[in-house]
Amino acid sequence: MDHLKIIIAVIFFLATGIRVNAQERIKTDNKEAKTDSVSVSTKQEHSPRKATIYSAVLPGLGQIYNKKYWKVPIIYAGLATLIYCIDWNNDYYVKYKKAYSDITDSDPTTNSFKDLDIEGSWDFTNSSQVQQFTERLDNAMTSARRYRDLCIIGTAALYALNIIDASVDAHFFNFNLNDDLTVNWTPQPVMCMNQRLVGINCIIRF
């Protein structure tokens, strides 16, 4: 009977120890899981998709997201210059177009072309000079329209370049550039035409 009590006591002790150990293990696992979940949740991945969308919505915003703040003034300086050129050339195009329409119609009261400052002195009672003036006016109108359209294309290209730049920078945001650049040269046997030769193995680490 005493032996039976001792055996029961040992079994109870071992079971209690196993239970306590299991509970401690569960608590430890829970803490590790919570720590892992916290570390995973707090770690934010730099998203190229966000950078692309930001720059598409507002030029320069993707560069701010990538922490390339110095690029923002360059983008806006370029856009401001191109928009100014668009407006400037468009004003001249509208003015030349109105003057060309006035000089080619048969209404003598429409004479806005006389207010234009085009090189040369013109006698609008002389048909030959009127024809020369009309040709120059047509060339000036065509040039203003061409420069305006080129500035519009340049603005669209700069806008697209802003998006591409933000996307590329975002892809390389987490790229690790180590200053420790090493080159290791080690002899290594190589096989050439079933013959064992001695060669050099080059390993570059960066």
C-alpha atoms as a PDB file:
ATOM      1  CA  MET A   1       0.000   0.000   0.000  1.00  0.00           C
ATOM      2  CA  ASP A   2       2.867   2.377   0.821  1.00  0.00           C
ATOM      3  CA  HIS A   3       4.517   1.597  -2.502  1.00  0.00           C
ATOM      4  CA  LEU A   4       1.275   2.378  -4.280  1.00  0.00           C
ATOM      5  CA  LYS A   5       1.025   5.769  -2.519  1.00  0.00           C
ATOM      6  CA  ILE A   6       4.618   6.574  -3.472  1.00  0.00           C
ATOM      7  CA  ILE A   7       4.011   5.652  -7.118  1.00  0.00           C
ATOM      8  CA  ILE A   8       0.830   7.775  -7.213  1.00  0.00           C
ATOM      9  CA  ALA A   9       2.705  10.701  -5.635  1.00  0.00           C
ATOM     10  CA  VAL A  10       5.543  10.428  -8.206  1.00  0.00           C
ATOM     11  CA  ILE A  11       3.088  10.267 -11.078  1.00  0.00           C
ATOM     12  CA  PHE A  12       1.196  13.292  -9.698  1.00  0.00           C
ATOM     13  CA  PHE A  13       4.459  15.221  -9.285  1.00  0.00           C
ATOM     14  CA  LEU A  14       5.639  14.435 -12.802  1.00  0.00           C
ATOM     15  CA  ALA A  15       2.235  15.314 -14.289  1.00  0.00           C
ATOM     16  CA  THR A  16       2.198  18.614 -12.414  1.00  0.00           C
ATOM     17  CA  GLY A  17       5.721  19.441 -13.606  1.00  0.00           C
ATOM     18  CA  ILE A  18       4.857  18.558 -17.201  1.00  0.00           C
ATOM     19  CA  ARG A  19       1.709  20.671 -16.992  1.00  0.00           C
ATOM     20  CA  VAL A  20       3.593  23.655 -15.585  1.00  0.00           C
ATOM     21  CA  ASN A  21       6.312  23.246 -18.208  1.00  0.00           C
ATOM     22  CA  ALA A  22       3.694  23.032 -20.956  1.00  0.00           C
ATOM     23  CA  GLN A  23       1.964  26.161 -19.683  1.00  0.00           C
ATOM     24  CA  GLU A  24       5.267  28.040 -19.564  1.00  0.00           C
ATOM     25  CA  ARG A  25       6.085  26.866 -23.074  1.00  0.00           C
ATOM     26  CA  ILE A  26       2.667  28.018 -24.311  1.00  0.00           C
ATOM     27  CA  LYS A  27       3.168  31.414 -22.674  1.00  0.00           C
ATOM     28  CA  THR A  28       6.616  31.712 -24.207  1.00  0.00           C
ATOM     29  CA  ASP A  29       5.286  30.741 -27.644  1.00  0.00           C
ATOM     30  CA  ASN A  30       2.471  33.258 -27.286  1.00  0.00           C
ATOM     31  CA  LYS A  31       4.932  35.992 -26.356  1.00  0.00           C
ATOM     32  CA  GLU A  32       7.138  35.099 -29.310  1.00  0.00           C
ATOM     33  CA  ALA A  33       4.104  35.032 -31.594  1.00  0.00           C
ATOM     34  CA  LYS A  34       2.996  38.411 -30.291  1.00  0.00           C
ATOM     35  CA  THR A  35       6.513  39.781 -30.716  1.00  0.00           C
ATOM     36  CA  ASP A  36       6.683  38.406 -34.248  1.00  0.00           C
ATOM     37  CA  SER A  37       3.259  39.803 -35.079  1.00  0.00           C
ATOM     38  CA  VAL A  38       4.236  43.192 -33.679  1.00  0.00           C
ATOM     39  CA  SER A  39       7.496  43.208 -35.592  1.00  0.00           C
ATOM     40  CA  VAL A  40       5.718  42.174 -38.771  1.00  0.00           C
ATOM     41  CA  SER A  41       2.946  44.693 -38.293  1.00  0.00           C
ATOM     42  CA  THR A  42       5.338  47.546 -37.482  1.00  0.00           C
ATOM     43  CA  LYS A  43       7.594  46.808 -40.436  1.00  0.00           C
ATOM     44  CA  GLN A  44       6.357  48.839 -43.383  1.00  0.00           C
ATOM     45  CA  GLU A  45       7.457  47.842 -46.839  1.00  0.00           C
ATOM     46  CA  HIS A  46       8.287  50.627 -49.288  1.00  0.00           C
ATOM     47  CA  SER A  47       5.772  50.259 -52.100  1.00  0.00           C
ATOM     48  CA  PRO A  48       6.659  51.167 -55.721  1.00  0.00           C
ATOM     49  CA  ARG A  49       2.943  51.062 -56.506  1.00  0.00           C
ATOM     50  CA  LYS A  50       2.240  53.806 -53.979  1.00  0.00           C
ATOM     51  CA  ALA A  51       5.084  55.931 -55.318  1.00  0.00           C
ATOM     52  CA  THR A  52       3.746  55.558 -58.868  1.00  0.00           C
ATOM     53  CA  ILE A  53       0.185  56.457 -57.885  1.00  0.00           C
ATOM     54  CA  TYR A  54       1.337  59.419 -55.798  1.00  0.00           C
ATOM     55  CA  SER A  55       3.352  60.888 -58.678  1.00  0.00           C
ATOM     56  CA  ALA A  56       0.481  60.281 -61.094  1.00  0.00           C
ATOM     57  CA  VAL A  57      -1.955  62.118 -58.811  1.00  0.00           C
ATOM     58  CA  LEU A  58       0.417  64.991 -57.978  1.00  0.00           C
ATOM     59  CA  PRO A  59       3.845  65.414 -59.620  1.00  0.00           C
ATOM     60  CA  GLY A  60       6.602  65.301 -57.026  1.00  0.00           C
ATOM     61  CA  LEU A  61       4.534  63.506 -54.389  1.00  0.00           C
ATOM     62  CA  GLY A  62       6.121  60.161 -55.259  1.00  0.00           C
ATOM     63  CA  GLN A  63       9.578  61.722 -54.882  1.00  0.00           C
ATOM     64  CA  ILE A  64       8.575  62.965 -51.426  1.00  0.00           C
ATOM     65  CA  TYR A  65       7.408  59.422 -50.580  1.00  0.00           C
ATOM     66  CA  ASN A  66      10.821  58.142 -51.731  1.00  0.00           C
ATOM     67  CA  LYS A  67      12.512  60.871 -49.630  1.00  0.00           C
ATOM     68  CA  LYS A  68      14.136  62.400 -52.722  1.00  0.00           C
ATOM     69  CA  TYR A  69      13.066  65.903 -51.793  1.00  0.00           C
ATOM     70  CA  TRP A  70      15.667  67.648 -53.975  1.00  0.00           C
ATOM     71  CA  LYS A  71      13.914  66.431 -57.122  1.00  0.00           C
ATOM     72  CA  VAL A  72      10.639  68.223 -56.360  1.00  0.00           C
ATOM     73  CA  PRO A  73      11.866  71.786 -57.186  1.00  0.00           C
ATOM     74  CA  ILE A  74      13.382  70.518 -60.442  1.00  0.00           C
ATOM     75  CA  ILE A  75      10.094  68.921 -61.491  1.00  0.00           C
ATOM     76  CA  TYR A  76       8.032  72.004 -60.725  1.00  0.00           C
ATOM     77  CA  ALA A  77      10.570  74.365 -62.287  1.00  0.00           C
ATOM     78  CA  GLY A  78      10.406  72.334 -65.493  1.00  0.00           C
ATOM     79  CA  LEU A  79       6.624  72.173 -65.486  1.00  0.00           C
ATOM     80  CA  ALA A  80       6.306  75.904 -64.753  1.00  0.00           C
ATOM     81  CA  THR A  81       8.682  76.771 -67.604  1.00  0.00           C
ATOM     82  CA  LEU A  82       6.885  74.555 -70.095  1.00  0.00           C
ATOM     83  CA  ILE A  83       3.442  75.827 -69.077  1.00  0.00           C
ATOM     84  CA  TYR A  84       4.649  79.418 -69.437  1.00  0.00           C
ATOM     85  CA  CYS A  85       5.986  78.633 -72.928  1.00  0.00           C
ATOM     86  CA  ILE A  86       2.677  77.005 -73.867  1.00  0.00           C
ATOM     87  CA  ASP A  87       0.739  80.082 -72.785  1.00  0.00           C
ATOM     88  CA  TRP A  88       3.179  82.497 -74.471  1.00  0.00           C
ATOM     89  CA  ASN A  89       3.163  80.698 -77.813  1.00  0.00           C
ATOM     90  CA  ASN A  90      -0.582  80.152 -77.693  1.00  0.00           C
ATOM     91  CA  ASP A  91      -1.178  83.884 -77.217  1.00  0.00           C
ATOM     92  CA  TYR A  92       0.878  84.654 -80.312  1.00  0.00           C
ATOM     93  CA  TYR A  93      -0.805  81.862 -82.243  1.00  0.00           C
ATOM     94  CA  VAL A  94      -4.268  83.252 -81.451  1.00  0.00           C
ATOM     95  CA  LYS A  95      -3.137  86.779 -82.345  1.00  0.00           C
ATOM     96  CA  TYR A  96      -1.556  85.693 -85.651  1.00  0.00           C
ATOM     97  CA  LYS A  97      -4.535  83.520 -86.515  1.00  0.00           C
ATOM     98  CA  LYS A  98      -6.947  86.427 -85.975  1.00  0.00           C
ATOM     99  CA  ALA A  99      -4.744  88.751 -88.038  1.00  0.00           C
ATOM    100  CA  TYR A 100      -4.445  86.176 -90.839  1.00  0.00           C
ATOM    101  CA  SER A 101      -8.222  85.764 -90.878  1.00  0.00           C
ATOM    102  CA  ASP A 102      -8.659  89.565 -91.050  1.00  0.00           C
ATOM    103  CA  ILE A 103      -6.200  90.111 -93.871  1.00  0.00           C
ATOM    104  CA  THR A 104      -7.579  87.280 -96.012  1.00  0.00           C
ATOM    105  CA  ASP A 105     -11.258  88.153 -95.682  1.00  0.00           C
ATOM    106  CA  SER A 106     -13.093  90.762 -97.731  1.00  0.00           C
ATOM    107  CA  ASP A 107     -14.235  92.876 -94.808  1.00  0.00           C
ATOM    108  CA  PRO A 108     -12.269  96.186 -94.702  1.00  0.00           C
ATOM    109  CA  THR A 109     -13.254  96.837 -91.071  1.00  0.00           C
ATOM    110  CA  THR A 110     -11.329  93.801 -89.766  1.00  0.00           C
ATOM    111  CA  ASN A 111      -7.750  95.046 -89.681  1.00  0.00           C
ATOM    112  CA  SER A 112      -6.164  93.651 -86.522  1.00  0.00           C
ATOM    113  CA  PHE A 113      -3.124  92.723 -88.635  1.00  0.00           C
ATOM    114  CA  LYS A 114      -2.081  96.410 -88.646  1.00  0.00           C
ATOM    115  CA  ASP A 115      -1.408  96.216 -84.911  1.00  0.00           C
ATOM    116  CA  LEU A 116       1.173  93.474 -85.321  1.00  0.00           C
ATOM    117  CA  ASP A 117       4.861  94.230 -84.996  1.00  0.00           C
ATOM    118  CA  ILE A 118       6.252  92.273 -87.908  1.00  0.00           C
ATOM    119  CA  GLU A 119       9.657  93.236 -89.256  1.00  0.00           C
ATOM    120  CA  GLY A 120       9.535  95.614 -92.206  1.00  0.00           C
ATOM    121  CA  SER A 121       7.431  98.585 -93.296  1.00  0.00           C
ATOM    122  CA  TRP A 122       4.282  97.555 -95.055  1.00  0.00           C
ATOM    123  CA  ASP A 123       2.005  99.410 -97.423  1.00  0.00           C
ATOM    124  CA  PHE A 124      -1.307  97.624 -97.200  1.00  0.00           C
ATOM    125  CA  THR A 125      -2.565  99.441-100.284  1.00  0.00           C
ATOM    126  CA  ASN A 126       0.070  97.604-102.317  1.00  0.00           C
ATOM    127  CA  SER A 127      -1.165  94.135-103.253  1.00  0.00           C
ATOM    128  CA  SER A 128       2.382  92.769-103.608  1.00  0.00           C
ATOM    129  CA  GLN A 129       3.342  93.827-100.088  1.00  0.00           C
ATOM    130  CA  VAL A 130       0.031  92.546 -98.733  1.00  0.00           C
ATOM    131  CA  GLN A 131       0.841  89.151-100.233  1.00  0.00           C
ATOM    132  CA  GLN A 132       4.335  89.150 -98.677  1.00  0.00           C
ATOM    133  CA  PHE A 133       2.905  90.219 -95.329  1.00  0.00           C
ATOM    134  CA  THR A 134       0.305  87.452 -95.515  1.00  0.00           C
ATOM    135  CA  GLU A 135       3.024  84.841 -96.172  1.00  0.00           C
ATOM    136  CA  ARG A 136       5.076  86.057 -93.226  1.00  0.00           C
ATOM    137  CA  LEU A 137       2.001  86.090 -91.065  1.00  0.00           C
ATOM    138  CA  ASP A 138       1.188  82.530 -92.067  1.00  0.00           C
ATOM    139  CA  ASN A 139       4.762  81.405 -91.254  1.00  0.00           C
ATOM    140  CA  ALA A 140       4.636  83.162 -87.871  1.00  0.00           C
ATOM    141  CA  MET A 141       1.288  81.538 -87.077  1.00  0.00           C
ATOM    142  CA  THR A 142       2.623  78.094 -88.048  1.00  0.00           C
ATOM    143  CA  SER A 143       5.769  78.559 -85.939  1.00  0.00           C
ATOM    144  CA  ALA A 144       3.799  79.671 -82.888  1.00  0.00           C
ATOM    145  CA  ARG A 145       1.500  76.666 -83.198  1.00  0.00           C
ATOM    146  CA  ARG A 146       4.434  74.278 -83.638  1.00  0.00           C
ATOM    147  CA  TYR A 147       6.307  75.621 -80.600  1.00  0.00           C
ATOM    148  CA  ARG A 148       3.126  75.507 -78.541  1.00  0.00           C
ATOM    149  CA  ASP A 149       2.511  71.870 -79.490  1.00  0.00           C
ATOM    150  CA  LEU A 150       6.133  70.944 -78.762  1.00  0.00           C
ATOM    151  CA  CYS A 151       5.832  72.488 -75.294  1.00  0.00           C
ATOM    152  CA  ILE A 152       2.649  70.494 -74.694  1.00  0.00           C
ATOM    153  CA  ILE A 153       4.462  67.299 -75.689  1.00  0.00           C
ATOM    154  CA  GLY A 154       7.373  68.274 -73.431  1.00  0.00           C
ATOM    155  CA  THR A 155       4.999  68.815 -70.509  1.00  0.00           C
ATOM    156  CA  ALA A 156       3.431  65.384 -71.021  1.00  0.00           C
ATOM    157  CA  ALA A 157       6.909  63.820 -71.297  1.00  0.00           C
ATOM    158  CA  LEU A 158       8.076  65.495 -68.073  1.00  0.00           C
ATOM    159  CA  TYR A 159       4.905  64.326 -66.309  1.00  0.00           C
ATOM    160  CA  ALA A 160       5.531  60.747 -67.475  1.00  0.00           C
ATOM    161  CA  LEU A 161       9.212  60.988 -66.516  1.00  0.00           C
ATOM    162  CA  ASN A 162       8.186  62.113 -63.045  1.00  0.00           C
ATOM    163  CA  ILE A 163       6.073  58.946 -62.653  1.00  0.00           C
ATOM    164  CA  ILE A 164       8.808  56.660 -64.032  1.00  0.00           C
ATOM    165  CA  ASP A 165      11.445  58.251 -61.791  1.00  0.00           C
ATOM    166  CA  ALA A 166       9.311  57.745 -58.680  1.00  0.00           C
ATOM    167  CA  SER A 167       8.638  54.109 -59.575  1.00  0.00           C
ATOM    168  CA  VAL A 168      12.315  53.302 -60.259  1.00  0.00           C
ATOM    169  CA  ASP A 169      13.486  55.039 -57.084  1.00  0.00           C
ATOM    170  CA  ALA A 170      10.909  53.110 -55.065  1.00  0.00           C
ATOM    171  CA  HIS A 171      12.160  49.787 -56.466  1.00  0.00           C
ATOM    172  CA  PHE A 172      15.714  50.622 -55.360  1.00  0.00           C
ATOM    173  CA  PHE A 173      14.682  52.206 -52.046  1.00  0.00           C
ATOM    174  CA  ASN A 174      15.570  49.132 -49.958  1.00  0.00           C
ATOM    175  CA  PHE A 175      18.511  48.102 -52.122  1.00  0.00           C
ATOM    176  CA  ASN A 176      21.551  47.663 -49.884  1.00  0.00           C
ATOM    177  CA  LEU A 177      24.684  49.306 -51.219  1.00  0.00           C
ATOM    178  CA  ASN A 178      27.586  48.123 -49.113  1.00  0.00           C
ATOM    179  CA  ASP A 179      30.746  50.207 -49.081  1.00  0.00           C
ATOM    180  CA  ASP A 180      32.785  47.038 -48.536  1.00  0.00           C
ATOM    181  CA  LEU A 181      33.720  46.048 -52.084  1.00  0.00           C
ATOM    182  CA  THR A 182      36.068  43.062 -52.105  1.00  0.00           C
ATOM    183  CA  VAL A 183      37.573  40.930 -54.822  1.00  0.00           C
ATOM    184  CA  ASN A 184      38.895  37.494 -53.920  1.00  0.00           C
ATOM    185  CA  TRP A 185      41.138  35.510 -56.247  1.00  0.00           C
ATOM    186  CA  THR A 186      41.443  31.810 -55.444  1.00  0.00           C
ATOM    187  CA  PRO A 187      42.980  28.953 -57.458  1.00  0.00           C
ATOM    188  CA  GLN A 188      40.484  26.326 -58.480  1.00  0.00           C
ATOM    189  CA  PRO A 189      40.758  23.164 -60.599  1.00  0.00           C
ATOM    190  CA  VAL A 190      38.751  23.192 -63.833  1.00  0.00           C
ATOM    191  CA  MET A 191      38.025  20.523 -66.404  1.00  0.00           C
ATOM    192  CA  CYS A 192      38.826  21.194 -70.059  1.00  0.00           C
ATOM    193  CA  MET A 193      38.562  18.438 -72.666  1.00  0.00           C
ATOM    194  CA  ASN A 194      38.720  15.732 -69.978  1.00  0.00           C
ATOM    195  CA  GLN A 195      41.887  17.225 -68.538  1.00  0.00           C
ATOM    196  CA  ARG A 196      42.212  18.739 -65.105  1.00  0.00           C
ATOM    197  CA  LEU A 197      43.702  22.212 -65.272  1.00  0.00           C
ATOM    198  CA  VAL A 198      44.398  24.915 -62.727  1.00  0.00           C
ATOM    199  CA  GLY A 199      42.348  28.089 -63.055  1.00  0.00           C
ATOM    200  CA  ILE A 200      41.496  31.177 -61.055  1.00  0.00           C
ATOM    201  CA  ASN A 201      38.119  31.749 -59.423  1.00  0.00           C
ATOM    202  CA  CYS A 202      37.124  35.393 -58.959  1.00  0.00           C
ATOM    203  CA  ILE A 203      34.527  36.355 -56.336  1.00  0.00           C
ATOM    204  CA  ILE A 204      33.300  39.937 -56.137  1.00  0.00           C
ATOM    205  CA  ARG A 205      31.311  41.001 -53.105  1.00  0.00           C
ATOM    206  CA  PHE A 206      29.491  44.322 -52.874  1.00  0.00           C
END
